[in-house]
Amino acid sequence: MTVHARISKEWRRRMTLMALMLNGSALWFCYDGFIAWPAEEKRHQQLVTLTADIVPEGSKLDIEDPAVVRAWTQYAKEHDLKPKVPKHRSPGDLAGQRITGGIMLFFGVLFLGWMGLQHRKSVRVDGDVITGAEGQKVHLDSIVGMDRRKWTNKGIAYALYEENGKQRRLCLDDHKFIGCEEIILEAERRIAARAGASAPTDAA
């Protein structure tokens, strides 16, 4: 028997989407923290100067005040600036965006590296020996059971076998490595065949 179960297109699509979401969010935070928000704070300081005669001394600038909005709209039109009244972006606000973006980008790059490593893995059967995704070697005839409890929802089964007197299990993930089902069916066929062959002896 020869099987080579490689990374499935469905798994690749899901992981690619997750990578895009994670890294896209990271870049969005970084863009706000390093470019968009510092520029907005610069415009806000222009707004503070512009409305010095409108806002009473000691009062907080209200960017929703109609007089402030009118003043900024006119100023922005004359100086080719964004018409939206700029908000105050404190150093803490900027730092928060930058730190969050940096952390997310760090994990996003790690996730891409992990994805790359996963694409080098596969599950193989050469003759009677299964080579698992982590390099485990398991003889098909050493498998004594198949745990399918996660099969319906996740496409995962565990081949149960014994090694050095201990029961172990080999993960056969057909969702991730397309072709694992063929291995599972062959292992189950052999288990059933052994059980059928031993039945007369057990009865005697």
N, C-alpha and C. Protein backbone atom coordinates (compact mmCIF):
# COMPACT_ATOMS: atom_id res chain seq x y z
N MET A 1 0.84 -1.20 0.00
CA MET A 1 0.00 0.00 0.00
C MET A 1 0.88 1.26 0.00
N THR A 2 0.52 2.20 -0.85
CA THR A 2 1.27 3.46 -0.91
C THR A 2 0.29 4.64 -0.85
N VAL A 3 0.47 5.49 0.15
CA VAL A 3 -0.36 6.69 0.31
C VAL A 3 0.55 7.85 0.71
N HIS A 4 0.29 9.01 0.13
CA HIS A 4 1.02 10.21 0.54
C HIS A 4 -0.01 11.31 0.78
N ALA A 5 -0.38 11.51 2.05
CA ALA A 5 -1.39 12.51 2.42
C ALA A 5 -0.70 13.84 2.69
N ARG A 6 -0.98 14.80 1.82
CA ARG A 6 -0.37 16.12 1.94
C ARG A 6 -1.36 17.14 2.52
N ILE A 7 -0.85 18.33 2.80
CA ILE A 7 -1.70 19.42 3.30
C ILE A 7 -2.86 19.64 2.35
N SER A 8 -4.07 19.74 2.91
CA SER A 8 -5.26 19.91 2.07
C SER A 8 -5.47 21.38 1.69
N LYS A 9 -6.19 21.59 0.60
CA LYS A 9 -6.50 22.95 0.16
C LYS A 9 -7.38 23.66 1.17
N GLU A 10 -8.32 22.93 1.78
CA GLU A 10 -9.22 23.53 2.76
C GLU A 10 -8.45 24.04 3.97
N TRP A 11 -7.52 23.22 4.47
CA TRP A 11 -6.70 23.63 5.63
C TRP A 11 -5.86 24.85 5.25
N ARG A 12 -5.28 24.81 4.04
CA ARG A 12 -4.45 25.92 3.59
C ARG A 12 -5.27 27.21 3.49
N ARG A 13 -6.49 27.11 2.98
CA ARG A 13 -7.35 28.29 2.86
C ARG A 13 -7.67 28.87 4.24
N ARG A 14 -8.02 28.00 5.19
CA ARG A 14 -8.38 28.47 6.53
C ARG A 14 -7.20 29.15 7.21
N MET A 15 -6.03 28.54 7.12
CA MET A 15 -4.85 29.12 7.77
C MET A 15 -4.42 30.42 7.08
N THR A 16 -4.56 30.48 5.76
CA THR A 16 -4.22 31.70 5.03
C THR A 16 -5.14 32.83 5.45
N LEU A 17 -6.42 32.53 5.60
CA LEU A 17 -7.38 33.56 6.05
C LEU A 17 -7.03 34.06 7.45
N MET A 18 -6.67 33.13 8.35
CA MET A 18 -6.30 33.52 9.70
C MET A 18 -5.04 34.39 9.68
N ALA A 19 -4.08 34.03 8.84
CA ALA A 19 -2.83 34.80 8.74
C ALA A 19 -3.11 36.20 8.21
N LEU A 20 -3.99 36.30 7.21
CA LEU A 20 -4.34 37.60 6.66
C LEU A 20 -5.04 38.48 7.70
N MET A 21 -5.95 37.86 8.46
CA MET A 21 -6.66 38.62 9.49
C MET A 21 -5.71 39.12 10.57
N LEU A 22 -4.82 38.24 11.03
CA LEU A 22 -3.90 38.59 12.11
C LEU A 22 -2.90 39.66 11.66
N ASN A 23 -2.27 39.45 10.50
CA ASN A 23 -1.27 40.40 10.03
C ASN A 23 -1.92 41.69 9.52
N GLY A 24 -3.12 41.56 8.93
CA GLY A 24 -3.82 42.75 8.48
C GLY A 24 -4.20 43.65 9.65
N SER A 25 -4.69 43.04 10.74
CA SER A 25 -5.02 43.81 11.93
C SER A 25 -3.78 44.46 12.52
N ALA A 26 -2.67 43.72 12.52
CA ALA A 26 -1.42 44.25 13.06
C ALA A 26 -0.97 45.48 12.26
N LEU A 27 -1.04 45.38 10.95
CA LEU A 27 -0.63 46.51 10.10
C LEU A 27 -1.57 47.70 10.28
N TRP A 28 -2.86 47.42 10.50
CA TRP A 28 -3.82 48.49 10.73
C TRP A 28 -3.48 49.26 12.01
N PHE A 29 -3.18 48.52 13.09
CA PHE A 29 -2.79 49.17 14.35
C PHE A 29 -1.51 49.98 14.17
N CYS A 30 -0.54 49.39 13.46
CA CYS A 30 0.73 50.09 13.24
C CYS A 30 0.54 51.34 12.39
N TYR A 31 -0.32 51.25 11.39
CA TYR A 31 -0.59 52.42 10.54
C TYR A 31 -1.20 53.55 11.36
N ASP A 32 -2.16 53.20 12.21
CA ASP A 32 -2.78 54.21 13.07
C ASP A 32 -1.75 54.82 14.02
N GLY A 33 -0.96 53.94 14.65
CA GLY A 33 -0.02 54.41 15.67
C GLY A 33 1.15 55.21 15.14
N PHE A 34 1.61 54.88 13.93
CA PHE A 34 2.81 55.55 13.40
C PHE A 34 2.50 56.61 12.34
N ILE A 35 1.34 56.54 11.71
CA ILE A 35 1.06 57.47 10.60
C ILE A 35 -0.24 58.25 10.81
N ALA A 36 -1.37 57.53 10.85
CA ALA A 36 -2.67 58.21 10.85
C ALA A 36 -2.91 59.05 12.10
N TRP A 37 -2.69 58.47 13.27
CA TRP A 37 -2.99 59.21 14.50
C TRP A 37 -2.01 60.36 14.78
N PRO A 38 -0.70 60.20 14.53
CA PRO A 38 0.18 61.37 14.70
C PRO A 38 -0.22 62.53 13.78
N ALA A 39 -0.64 62.19 12.55
CA ALA A 39 -1.09 63.24 11.62
C ALA A 39 -2.36 63.89 12.13
N GLU A 40 -3.26 63.07 12.71
CA GLU A 40 -4.50 63.63 13.24
C GLU A 40 -4.22 64.53 14.45
N GLU A 41 -3.26 64.13 15.27
CA GLU A 41 -2.92 64.95 16.43
C GLU A 41 -2.34 66.29 15.99
N LYS A 42 -1.59 66.26 14.90
CA LYS A 42 -1.04 67.51 14.36
C LYS A 42 -2.18 68.43 13.92
N ARG A 43 -3.18 67.85 13.26
CA ARG A 43 -4.34 68.65 12.83
C ARG A 43 -5.13 69.15 14.05
N HIS A 44 -5.17 68.30 15.08
CA HIS A 44 -5.89 68.70 16.30
C HIS A 44 -5.24 69.92 16.93
N GLN A 45 -3.93 69.95 16.94
CA GLN A 45 -3.24 71.11 17.50
C GLN A 45 -3.53 72.36 16.67
N GLN A 46 -3.68 72.18 15.36
CA GLN A 46 -4.07 73.31 14.52
C GLN A 46 -5.48 73.77 14.90
N LEU A 47 -6.33 72.78 15.21
CA LEU A 47 -7.70 73.09 15.61
C LEU A 47 -7.71 73.87 16.93
N VAL A 48 -6.86 73.46 17.86
CA VAL A 48 -6.79 74.16 19.15
C VAL A 48 -6.43 75.63 18.95
N THR A 49 -5.44 75.86 18.09
CA THR A 49 -5.03 77.24 17.81
C THR A 49 -6.14 78.01 17.10
N LEU A 50 -6.79 77.33 16.15
CA LEU A 50 -7.85 77.96 15.36
C LEU A 50 -9.03 78.39 16.22
N THR A 51 -9.35 77.58 17.23
CA THR A 51 -10.56 77.83 18.04
C THR A 51 -10.26 78.49 19.38
N ALA A 52 -9.07 79.05 19.48
CA ALA A 52 -8.69 79.69 20.75
C ALA A 52 -9.66 80.79 21.15
N ASP A 53 -10.22 81.48 20.18
CA ASP A 53 -11.15 82.57 20.47
C ASP A 53 -12.58 82.08 20.66
N ILE A 54 -12.83 80.80 20.25
CA ILE A 54 -14.18 80.25 20.36
C ILE A 54 -14.39 79.55 21.69
N VAL A 55 -13.39 78.79 22.10
CA VAL A 55 -13.47 78.00 23.34
C VAL A 55 -13.08 78.86 24.53
N PRO A 56 -13.95 79.00 25.52
CA PRO A 56 -13.62 79.81 26.70
C PRO A 56 -12.36 79.29 27.40
N GLU A 57 -11.59 80.19 27.93
CA GLU A 57 -10.36 79.80 28.62
C GLU A 57 -10.67 78.86 29.78
N GLY A 58 -9.93 77.78 29.86
CA GLY A 58 -10.13 76.80 30.92
C GLY A 58 -11.14 75.73 30.57
N SER A 59 -11.84 75.90 29.43
CA SER A 59 -12.83 74.91 29.02
C SER A 59 -12.19 73.88 28.08
N LYS A 60 -12.78 72.70 28.04
CA LYS A 60 -12.28 71.63 27.18
C LYS A 60 -12.85 71.79 25.78
N LEU A 61 -12.01 71.60 24.80
CA LEU A 61 -12.45 71.71 23.41
C LEU A 61 -13.43 70.59 23.07
N ASP A 62 -14.60 70.97 22.60
CA ASP A 62 -15.63 70.01 22.21
C ASP A 62 -15.68 69.94 20.69
N ILE A 63 -15.22 68.83 20.14
CA ILE A 63 -15.15 68.73 18.67
C ILE A 63 -16.52 68.59 18.02
N GLU A 64 -17.56 68.43 18.85
CA GLU A 64 -18.92 68.37 18.30
C GLU A 64 -19.65 69.71 18.40
N ASP A 65 -18.98 70.70 18.99
CA ASP A 65 -19.56 72.03 19.08
C ASP A 65 -19.75 72.58 17.66
N PRO A 66 -20.97 73.01 17.30
CA PRO A 66 -21.22 73.52 15.94
C PRO A 66 -20.26 74.62 15.51
N ALA A 67 -19.89 75.50 16.43
CA ALA A 67 -18.98 76.58 16.10
C ALA A 67 -17.59 76.04 15.76
N VAL A 68 -17.16 75.02 16.52
CA VAL A 68 -15.86 74.38 16.27
C VAL A 68 -15.89 73.65 14.92
N VAL A 69 -16.99 72.97 14.67
CA VAL A 69 -17.12 72.23 13.41
C VAL A 69 -17.09 73.20 12.22
N ARG A 70 -17.80 74.30 12.32
CA ARG A 70 -17.82 75.28 11.23
C ARG A 70 -16.44 75.87 10.99
N ALA A 71 -15.76 76.17 12.10
CA ALA A 71 -14.42 76.77 11.97
C ALA A 71 -13.46 75.81 11.30
N TRP A 72 -13.52 74.54 11.72
CA TRP A 72 -12.61 73.56 11.13
C TRP A 72 -12.97 73.27 9.67
N THR A 73 -14.23 73.17 9.37
CA THR A 73 -14.65 72.89 7.99
C THR A 73 -14.13 73.96 7.04
N GLN A 74 -14.25 75.19 7.44
CA GLN A 74 -13.77 76.29 6.61
C GLN A 74 -12.25 76.26 6.48
N TYR A 75 -11.58 76.04 7.62
CA TYR A 75 -10.11 76.00 7.63
C TYR A 75 -9.59 74.84 6.78
N ALA A 76 -10.22 73.68 6.93
CA ALA A 76 -9.78 72.49 6.17
C ALA A 76 -9.96 72.71 4.67
N LYS A 77 -11.05 73.36 4.28
CA LYS A 77 -11.31 73.63 2.88
C LYS A 77 -10.25 74.56 2.30
N GLU A 78 -9.88 75.55 3.07
CA GLU A 78 -8.89 76.52 2.60
C GLU A 78 -7.48 75.94 2.53
N HIS A 79 -7.18 74.97 3.39
CA HIS A 79 -5.81 74.42 3.46
C HIS A 79 -5.73 72.99 2.95
N ASP A 80 -6.77 72.53 2.28
CA ASP A 80 -6.79 71.20 1.67
C ASP A 80 -6.49 70.09 2.69
N LEU A 81 -7.22 70.14 3.80
CA LEU A 81 -7.08 69.14 4.86
C LEU A 81 -8.34 68.30 4.93
N LYS A 82 -8.29 67.23 5.69
CA LYS A 82 -9.47 66.36 5.85
C LYS A 82 -10.57 67.14 6.55
N PRO A 83 -11.81 67.06 6.03
CA PRO A 83 -12.89 67.84 6.61
C PRO A 83 -13.37 67.36 7.99
N LYS A 84 -13.07 66.09 8.32
CA LYS A 84 -13.50 65.57 9.62
C LYS A 84 -12.74 66.26 10.74
N VAL A 85 -13.46 66.71 11.75
CA VAL A 85 -12.83 67.40 12.88
C VAL A 85 -11.87 66.43 13.59
N PRO A 86 -10.59 66.78 13.70
CA PRO A 86 -9.60 65.86 14.27
C PRO A 86 -9.72 65.70 15.79
N LYS A 87 -9.53 64.46 16.23
CA LYS A 87 -9.56 64.17 17.65
C LYS A 87 -8.17 64.34 18.26
N HIS A 88 -8.14 64.50 19.57
CA HIS A 88 -6.87 64.54 20.29
C HIS A 88 -6.35 63.12 20.46
N ARG A 89 -5.12 62.90 20.06
CA ARG A 89 -4.47 61.60 20.20
C ARG A 89 -3.26 61.78 21.12
N SER A 90 -3.41 61.32 22.34
CA SER A 90 -2.35 61.51 23.34
C SER A 90 -1.18 60.57 23.09
N PRO A 91 -0.03 60.85 23.70
CA PRO A 91 1.11 59.93 23.60
C PRO A 91 0.75 58.51 24.04
N GLY A 92 -0.11 58.41 25.06
CA GLY A 92 -0.54 57.09 25.51
C GLY A 92 -1.37 56.36 24.45
N ASP A 93 -2.22 57.14 23.75
CA ASP A 93 -3.01 56.54 22.66
C ASP A 93 -2.10 55.99 21.57
N LEU A 94 -1.11 56.78 21.20
CA LEU A 94 -0.18 56.36 20.14
C LEU A 94 0.62 55.14 20.58
N ALA A 95 1.08 55.16 21.81
CA ALA A 95 1.87 54.03 22.32
C ALA A 95 1.03 52.76 22.34
N GLY A 96 -0.24 52.88 22.74
CA GLY A 96 -1.12 51.72 22.79
C GLY A 96 -1.29 51.08 21.42
N GLN A 97 -1.50 51.91 20.40
CA GLN A 97 -1.65 51.40 19.04
C GLN A 97 -0.36 50.73 18.55
N ARG A 98 0.75 51.37 18.83
CA ARG A 98 2.04 50.85 18.37
C ARG A 98 2.41 49.53 19.05
N ILE A 99 2.18 49.47 20.36
CA ILE A 99 2.51 48.24 21.10
C ILE A 99 1.60 47.10 20.66
N THR A 100 0.30 47.39 20.56
CA THR A 100 -0.64 46.35 20.12
C THR A 100 -0.29 45.86 18.73
N GLY A 101 -0.03 46.79 17.82
CA GLY A 101 0.34 46.41 16.46
C GLY A 101 1.63 45.61 16.41
N GLY A 102 2.61 46.00 17.22
CA GLY A 102 3.89 45.28 17.24
C GLY A 102 3.74 43.86 17.75
N ILE A 103 2.94 43.70 18.82
CA ILE A 103 2.73 42.36 19.37
C ILE A 103 2.00 41.48 18.37
N MET A 104 0.94 42.03 17.76
CA MET A 104 0.18 41.25 16.78
C MET A 104 1.03 40.89 15.58
N LEU A 105 1.88 41.82 15.14
CA LEU A 105 2.75 41.54 14.00
C LEU A 105 3.76 40.46 14.33
N PHE A 106 4.27 40.49 15.56
CA PHE A 106 5.22 39.46 16.00
C PHE A 106 4.59 38.07 15.90
N PHE A 107 3.37 37.95 16.46
CA PHE A 107 2.70 36.66 16.41
C PHE A 107 2.25 36.32 14.99
N GLY A 108 1.94 37.34 14.20
CA GLY A 108 1.56 37.09 12.81
C GLY A 108 2.70 36.50 12.01
N VAL A 109 3.91 37.02 12.23
CA VAL A 109 5.08 36.49 11.54
C VAL A 109 5.38 35.07 12.02
N LEU A 110 5.25 34.84 13.32
CA LEU A 110 5.44 33.49 13.86
C LEU A 110 4.44 32.52 13.25
N PHE A 111 3.19 32.97 13.10
CA PHE A 111 2.15 32.13 12.52
C PHE A 111 2.48 31.77 11.08
N LEU A 112 2.98 32.73 10.32
CA LEU A 112 3.38 32.46 8.93
C LEU A 112 4.52 31.44 8.89
N GLY A 113 5.46 31.58 9.82
CA GLY A 113 6.56 30.61 9.88
C GLY A 113 6.06 29.22 10.21
N TRP A 114 5.11 29.15 11.17
CA TRP A 114 4.52 27.86 11.54
C TRP A 114 3.80 27.24 10.35
N MET A 115 3.07 28.07 9.60
CA MET A 115 2.38 27.57 8.41
C MET A 115 3.37 26.98 7.41
N GLY A 116 4.48 27.68 7.23
CA GLY A 116 5.50 27.19 6.31
C GLY A 116 6.04 25.83 6.73
N LEU A 117 6.26 25.67 8.04
CA LEU A 117 6.75 24.38 8.54
C LEU A 117 5.72 23.27 8.35
N GLN A 118 4.44 23.60 8.54
CA GLN A 118 3.39 22.59 8.37
C GLN A 118 3.34 22.08 6.95
N HIS A 119 3.63 22.95 5.98
CA HIS A 119 3.57 22.54 4.58
C HIS A 119 4.69 21.57 4.21
N ARG A 120 5.66 21.43 5.09
CA ARG A 120 6.74 20.46 4.84
C ARG A 120 6.38 19.08 5.39
N LYS A 121 5.26 19.00 6.12
CA LYS A 121 4.86 17.74 6.74
C LYS A 121 3.86 16.99 5.86
N SER A 122 3.75 15.70 6.10
CA SER A 122 2.76 14.87 5.42
C SER A 122 2.65 13.56 6.19
N VAL A 123 1.66 12.76 5.82
CA VAL A 123 1.49 11.42 6.39
C VAL A 123 1.65 10.43 5.25
N ARG A 124 2.51 9.43 5.45
CA ARG A 124 2.82 8.49 4.38
C ARG A 124 2.55 7.05 4.80
N VAL A 125 2.26 6.24 3.81
CA VAL A 125 2.27 4.80 4.00
C VAL A 125 3.10 4.20 2.88
N ASP A 126 4.14 3.47 3.25
CA ASP A 126 4.98 2.75 2.29
C ASP A 126 4.96 1.29 2.69
N GLY A 127 4.25 0.51 1.90
CA GLY A 127 4.10 -0.90 2.25
C GLY A 127 3.16 -1.05 3.43
N ASP A 128 3.67 -1.51 4.56
CA ASP A 128 2.85 -1.70 5.76
C ASP A 128 3.19 -0.72 6.87
N VAL A 129 4.00 0.27 6.57
CA VAL A 129 4.46 1.20 7.61
C VAL A 129 3.92 2.61 7.37
N ILE A 130 3.29 3.16 8.41
CA ILE A 130 2.81 4.53 8.37
C ILE A 130 3.90 5.44 8.95
N THR A 131 4.17 6.54 8.27
CA THR A 131 5.05 7.57 8.82
C THR A 131 4.18 8.78 9.12
N GLY A 132 4.02 9.08 10.42
CA GLY A 132 3.14 10.17 10.83
C GLY A 132 3.72 11.53 10.52
N ALA A 133 2.92 12.56 10.74
CA ALA A 133 3.33 13.93 10.44
C ALA A 133 4.55 14.37 11.25
N GLU A 134 4.72 13.78 12.43
CA GLU A 134 5.87 14.11 13.28
C GLU A 134 7.00 13.10 13.13
N GLY A 135 6.87 12.21 12.16
CA GLY A 135 7.94 11.25 11.89
C GLY A 135 7.81 9.91 12.58
N GLN A 136 6.69 9.68 13.28
CA GLN A 136 6.49 8.40 13.97
C GLN A 136 6.35 7.28 12.93
N LYS A 137 6.92 6.11 13.25
CA LYS A 137 6.80 4.93 12.39
C LYS A 137 5.88 3.92 13.07
N VAL A 138 4.79 3.58 12.41
CA VAL A 138 3.82 2.65 12.98
C VAL A 138 3.44 1.62 11.92
N HIS A 139 3.59 0.33 12.28
CA HIS A 139 3.20 -0.74 11.36
C HIS A 139 1.68 -0.86 11.37
N LEU A 140 1.10 -1.00 10.20
CA LEU A 140 -0.36 -1.09 10.11
C LEU A 140 -0.92 -2.22 10.95
N ASP A 141 -0.21 -3.33 11.00
CA ASP A 141 -0.71 -4.48 11.75
C ASP A 141 -0.53 -4.34 13.26
N SER A 142 0.16 -3.28 13.69
CA SER A 142 0.31 -3.06 15.13
C SER A 142 -0.84 -2.22 15.68
N ILE A 143 -1.69 -1.70 14.78
CA ILE A 143 -2.82 -0.88 15.22
C ILE A 143 -3.93 -1.79 15.73
N VAL A 144 -4.35 -1.56 16.97
CA VAL A 144 -5.36 -2.42 17.60
C VAL A 144 -6.74 -1.78 17.70
N GLY A 145 -6.82 -0.50 17.39
CA GLY A 145 -8.12 0.17 17.47
C GLY A 145 -8.05 1.52 16.78
N MET A 146 -9.23 2.08 16.51
CA MET A 146 -9.30 3.38 15.87
C MET A 146 -10.31 4.25 16.63
N ASP A 147 -9.83 5.35 17.16
CA ASP A 147 -10.69 6.28 17.90
C ASP A 147 -11.22 7.34 16.92
N ARG A 148 -12.52 7.26 16.64
CA ARG A 148 -13.13 8.16 15.66
C ARG A 148 -14.04 9.22 16.32
N ARG A 149 -13.88 9.46 17.60
CA ARG A 149 -14.78 10.37 18.29
C ARG A 149 -14.76 11.79 17.71
N LYS A 150 -13.65 12.20 17.10
CA LYS A 150 -13.56 13.54 16.52
C LYS A 150 -13.73 13.52 15.00
N TRP A 151 -14.08 12.36 14.46
CA TRP A 151 -14.13 12.24 13.02
C TRP A 151 -15.25 13.07 12.39
N THR A 152 -16.45 12.97 12.92
CA THR A 152 -17.59 13.64 12.32
C THR A 152 -17.43 15.15 12.29
N ASN A 153 -16.99 15.73 13.39
CA ASN A 153 -16.89 17.19 13.49
C ASN A 153 -15.58 17.77 12.97
N LYS A 154 -14.49 17.00 13.10
CA LYS A 154 -13.18 17.57 12.77
C LYS A 154 -12.40 16.77 11.73
N GLY A 155 -12.88 15.59 11.36
CA GLY A 155 -12.13 14.79 10.39
C GLY A 155 -10.85 14.21 10.96
N ILE A 156 -10.84 13.97 12.27
CA ILE A 156 -9.64 13.45 12.94
C ILE A 156 -9.94 12.09 13.55
N ALA A 157 -9.04 11.15 13.36
CA ALA A 157 -9.12 9.84 14.02
C ALA A 157 -7.74 9.54 14.63
N TYR A 158 -7.75 8.70 15.65
CA TYR A 158 -6.49 8.32 16.31
C TYR A 158 -6.32 6.82 16.20
N ALA A 159 -5.21 6.42 15.59
CA ALA A 159 -4.88 5.00 15.51
C ALA A 159 -4.21 4.58 16.82
N LEU A 160 -4.78 3.57 17.48
CA LEU A 160 -4.25 3.10 18.76
C LEU A 160 -3.32 1.93 18.52
N TYR A 161 -2.13 1.99 19.09
CA TYR A 161 -1.15 0.91 18.91
C TYR A 161 -0.29 0.79 20.16
N GLU A 162 0.45 -0.29 20.24
CA GLU A 162 1.32 -0.51 21.39
C GLU A 162 2.78 -0.42 20.97
N GLU A 163 3.56 0.20 21.85
CA GLU A 163 4.99 0.32 21.59
C GLU A 163 5.73 0.25 22.92
N ASN A 164 6.64 -0.69 23.02
CA ASN A 164 7.40 -0.89 24.25
C ASN A 164 6.50 -1.11 25.46
N GLY A 165 5.41 -1.84 25.24
CA GLY A 165 4.50 -2.16 26.32
C GLY A 165 3.54 -1.05 26.71
N LYS A 166 3.57 0.06 26.00
CA LYS A 166 2.68 1.18 26.31
C LYS A 166 1.75 1.45 25.13
N GLN A 167 0.50 1.80 25.47
CA GLN A 167 -0.44 2.13 24.39
C GLN A 167 -0.21 3.57 23.95
N ARG A 168 -0.10 3.74 22.66
CA ARG A 168 0.10 5.07 22.10
C ARG A 168 -0.94 5.32 21.02
N ARG A 169 -0.97 6.54 20.52
CA ARG A 169 -1.91 6.83 19.45
C ARG A 169 -1.27 7.74 18.40
N LEU A 170 -1.68 7.51 17.19
CA LEU A 170 -1.16 8.27 16.05
C LEU A 170 -2.31 9.10 15.47
N CYS A 171 -2.12 10.40 15.40
CA CYS A 171 -3.16 11.29 14.87
C CYS A 171 -3.20 11.20 13.34
N LEU A 172 -4.39 10.90 12.83
CA LEU A 172 -4.63 10.86 11.39
C LEU A 172 -5.69 11.92 11.08
N ASP A 173 -5.22 13.10 10.68
CA ASP A 173 -6.08 14.27 10.48
C ASP A 173 -6.36 14.43 8.99
N ASP A 174 -7.54 13.95 8.57
CA ASP A 174 -7.88 14.01 7.15
C ASP A 174 -8.26 15.42 6.71
N HIS A 175 -8.66 16.26 7.65
CA HIS A 175 -8.95 17.65 7.30
C HIS A 175 -7.67 18.38 6.93
N LYS A 176 -6.60 18.11 7.66
CA LYS A 176 -5.33 18.77 7.42
C LYS A 176 -4.52 18.05 6.34
N PHE A 177 -4.47 16.73 6.44
CA PHE A 177 -3.70 15.94 5.48
C PHE A 177 -4.67 15.08 4.67
N ILE A 178 -5.04 15.58 3.51
CA ILE A 178 -6.03 14.89 2.70
C ILE A 178 -5.48 13.55 2.22
N GLY A 179 -6.22 12.50 2.46
CA GLY A 179 -5.77 11.15 2.10
C GLY A 179 -5.63 10.25 3.32
N CYS A 180 -5.74 10.83 4.52
CA CYS A 180 -5.62 10.03 5.74
C CYS A 180 -6.77 9.03 5.88
N GLU A 181 -7.91 9.36 5.31
CA GLU A 181 -9.05 8.45 5.43
C GLU A 181 -8.74 7.09 4.81
N GLU A 182 -8.00 7.10 3.74
CA GLU A 182 -7.62 5.83 3.10
C GLU A 182 -6.79 4.97 4.05
N ILE A 183 -5.93 5.62 4.80
CA ILE A 183 -5.09 4.91 5.78
C ILE A 183 -5.97 4.36 6.91
N ILE A 184 -6.91 5.17 7.36
CA ILE A 184 -7.81 4.76 8.44
C ILE A 184 -8.62 3.54 8.03
N LEU A 185 -9.16 3.58 6.82
CA LEU A 185 -9.99 2.47 6.34
C LEU A 185 -9.17 1.19 6.21
N GLU A 186 -7.93 1.31 5.77
CA GLU A 186 -7.07 0.13 5.64
C GLU A 186 -6.74 -0.45 7.02
N ALA A 187 -6.47 0.43 7.98
CA ALA A 187 -6.18 -0.05 9.33
C ALA A 187 -7.39 -0.74 9.92
N GLU A 188 -8.58 -0.18 9.73
CA GLU A 188 -9.80 -0.78 10.24
C GLU A 188 -10.10 -2.11 9.55
N ARG A 189 -9.79 -2.18 8.27
CA ARG A 189 -9.99 -3.45 7.55
C ARG A 189 -9.11 -4.54 8.13
N ARG A 190 -7.87 -4.20 8.44
CA ARG A 190 -6.95 -5.19 9.01
C ARG A 190 -7.36 -5.60 10.42
N ILE A 191 -7.85 -4.62 11.20
CA ILE A 191 -8.32 -4.94 12.55
C ILE A 191 -9.47 -5.93 12.48
N ALA A 192 -10.43 -5.64 11.57
CA ALA A 192 -11.60 -6.52 11.41
C ALA A 192 -11.18 -7.90 10.91
N ALA A 193 -10.21 -7.94 10.00
CA ALA A 193 -9.75 -9.23 9.46
C ALA A 193 -9.10 -10.07 10.55
N ARG A 194 -8.30 -9.44 11.41
CA ARG A 194 -7.66 -10.18 12.50
C ARG A 194 -8.70 -10.68 13.50
N ALA A 195 -9.71 -9.82 13.76
CA ALA A 195 -10.75 -10.24 14.69
C ALA A 195 -11.54 -11.41 14.13
N GLY A 196 -11.80 -11.42 12.82
CA GLY A 196 -12.52 -12.53 12.19
C GLY A 196 -11.71 -13.80 12.18
N ALA A 197 -10.40 -13.64 11.97
CA ALA A 197 -9.54 -14.84 11.92
C ALA A 197 -9.39 -15.48 13.29
N SER A 198 -9.46 -14.67 14.34
CA SER A 198 -9.24 -15.20 15.69
C SER A 198 -10.55 -15.71 16.32
N ALA A 199 -11.69 -15.41 15.70
CA ALA A 199 -12.98 -15.80 16.27
C ALA A 199 -13.12 -17.29 16.52
N PRO A 200 -12.82 -18.19 15.54
CA PRO A 200 -12.96 -19.63 15.79
C PRO A 200 -12.09 -20.10 16.93
N THR A 201 -10.89 -19.59 17.01
CA THR A 201 -9.98 -19.99 18.08
C THR A 201 -10.52 -19.59 19.44
N ASP A 202 -11.05 -18.35 19.50
CA ASP A 202 -11.60 -17.85 20.78
C ASP A 202 -12.80 -18.71 21.21
N ALA A 203 -13.64 -19.13 20.23
CA ALA A 203 -14.82 -19.95 20.54
C ALA A 203 -14.43 -21.30 21.08
N ALA A 204 -13.35 -21.86 20.52
CA ALA A 204 -12.89 -23.17 21.00
C ALA A 204 -12.36 -23.03 22.41
